[in-house]
């Protein structure tokens, strides 16, 4: 994640190699998370949702940064992120509700 943040700095400052650094850091994050997801024994709904959110983010950010698609396609990731966030909130609410009834 630190490399990704550094690559964003390179992109913002328009330094040489910013695009390559940005794309390679996104692909690196995806590869690490893919193997983490693949090696997980029990894949829950939230795990699949997180993986699809990350995959969408990596693909869209690479295509947007290379100016292949417009920025508006980033809404796809934002919608997936909102679904993921709502899933976390609902699960947390249910957990607190079940703990308070005990």
Protein backbone atom coordinates (compact mmCIF):
# COMPACT_ATOMS: atom_id res chain seq x y z
CA UNK A 1 0.00 0.00 0.00
CA UNK A 2 2.93 2.30 0.68
CA UNK A 3 4.20 1.79 -2.87
CA UNK A 4 0.72 2.64 -4.17
CA UNK A 5 0.67 5.91 -2.20
CA UNK A 6 4.13 6.75 -3.50
CA UNK A 7 2.98 6.04 -7.06
CA UNK A 8 0.07 8.45 -6.58
CA UNK A 9 2.61 11.11 -5.58
CA UNK A 10 4.53 10.41 -8.80
CA UNK A 11 1.31 10.79 -10.82
CA UNK A 12 0.27 14.01 -9.10
CA UNK A 13 3.70 15.58 -9.49
CA UNK A 14 3.92 14.37 -13.14
CA UNK A 15 7.32 12.82 -12.48
CA UNK A 16 8.88 10.49 -15.02
CA UNK A 17 7.64 6.93 -14.74
CA UNK A 18 4.51 7.88 -12.79
CA UNK A 19 2.15 5.91 -15.02
CA UNK A 20 4.27 2.76 -14.98
CA UNK A 21 4.80 3.04 -11.23
CA UNK A 22 1.05 3.53 -10.66
CA UNK A 23 0.00 0.62 -12.87
CA UNK A 24 2.60 -1.76 -11.47
CA UNK A 25 1.64 -0.92 -7.88
CA UNK A 26 -2.04 -1.57 -8.64
CA UNK A 27 -1.20 -4.88 -10.28
CA UNK A 28 1.04 -5.78 -7.33
CA UNK A 29 -1.78 -5.11 -4.85
CA UNK A 30 -4.12 -7.21 -6.97
CA UNK A 31 -1.69 -10.15 -7.16
CA UNK A 32 -1.11 -10.16 -3.39
CA UNK A 33 -4.82 -9.99 -2.63
CA UNK A 34 -5.65 -12.61 -5.30
CA UNK A 35 -3.38 -15.19 -3.67
CA UNK A 36 -4.72 -14.25 -0.24
CA UNK A 37 -8.27 -14.74 -1.50
CA UNK A 38 -7.43 -17.94 -3.39
CA UNK A 39 -5.74 -19.60 -0.38
CA UNK A 40 -8.62 -18.81 1.95
CA UNK A 41 -10.42 -22.03 2.91
CA UNK A 42 -13.86 -20.59 3.54
CA UNK A 43 -14.91 -17.79 1.22
CA UNK A 44 -17.82 -15.80 2.58
CA UNK A 45 -20.06 -13.34 0.77
CA UNK A 46 -18.07 -10.42 2.17
CA UNK A 47 -14.79 -11.92 0.91
CA UNK A 48 -16.16 -12.26 -2.61
CA UNK A 49 -17.54 -8.72 -2.45
CA UNK A 50 -14.16 -7.34 -1.29
CA UNK A 51 -12.36 -9.24 -4.05
CA UNK A 52 -14.76 -8.01 -6.74
CA UNK A 53 -14.45 -4.45 -5.40
CA UNK A 54 -10.64 -4.61 -5.55
CA UNK A 55 -10.66 -6.20 -8.99
CA UNK A 56 -12.99 -3.53 -10.32
CA UNK A 57 -10.85 -0.80 -8.76
CA UNK A 58 -7.62 -2.13 -10.28
CA UNK A 59 -9.10 -2.59 -13.76
CA UNK A 60 -10.92 0.74 -13.83
CA UNK A 61 -8.03 2.78 -12.41
CA UNK A 62 -5.62 1.32 -14.95
CA UNK A 63 -7.99 2.05 -17.83
CA UNK A 64 -8.80 5.54 -16.55
CA UNK A 65 -5.15 6.44 -15.93
CA UNK A 66 -4.27 5.37 -19.47
CA UNK A 67 -7.21 7.46 -20.78
CA UNK A 68 -8.83 4.42 -22.40
CA UNK A 69 -12.16 5.03 -20.65
CA UNK A 70 -13.68 8.14 -19.09
CA UNK A 71 -13.60 8.95 -15.38
CA UNK A 72 -17.35 8.44 -15.15
CA UNK A 73 -16.81 4.67 -15.26
CA UNK A 74 -15.39 5.04 -11.75
CA UNK A 75 -19.02 5.06 -10.60
CA UNK A 76 -19.01 1.27 -11.00
CA UNK A 77 -16.37 0.98 -8.28
CA UNK A 78 -18.16 3.53 -6.10
CA UNK A 79 -21.41 1.54 -6.26
CA UNK A 80 -19.61 -1.69 -5.38
CA UNK A 81 -17.87 0.07 -2.50
CA UNK A 82 -21.21 1.36 -1.17
CA UNK A 83 -22.63 -2.18 -1.29
CA UNK A 84 -19.56 -3.43 0.58
CA UNK A 85 -19.86 -0.68 3.15
CA UNK A 86 -23.57 -1.38 3.68
CA UNK A 87 -22.78 -5.07 4.09
CA UNK A 88 -20.27 -4.26 6.86
CA UNK A 89 -22.72 -1.90 8.58
CA UNK A 90 -25.56 -4.43 8.50
CA UNK A 91 -23.35 -7.24 9.82
CA UNK A 92 -22.03 -4.99 12.59
CA UNK A 93 -25.57 -3.96 13.53
CA UNK A 94 -26.71 -7.60 13.66
CA UNK A 95 -23.69 -8.53 15.77
CA UNK A 96 -24.34 -5.73 18.26
CA UNK A 97 -28.04 -6.62 18.38
CA UNK A 98 -27.30 -10.28 19.09
CA UNK A 99 -24.71 -9.37 21.77
CA UNK A 100 -27.09 -7.00 23.54
CA UNK A 101 -29.84 -9.63 23.75
CA UNK A 102 -27.56 -12.12 25.51
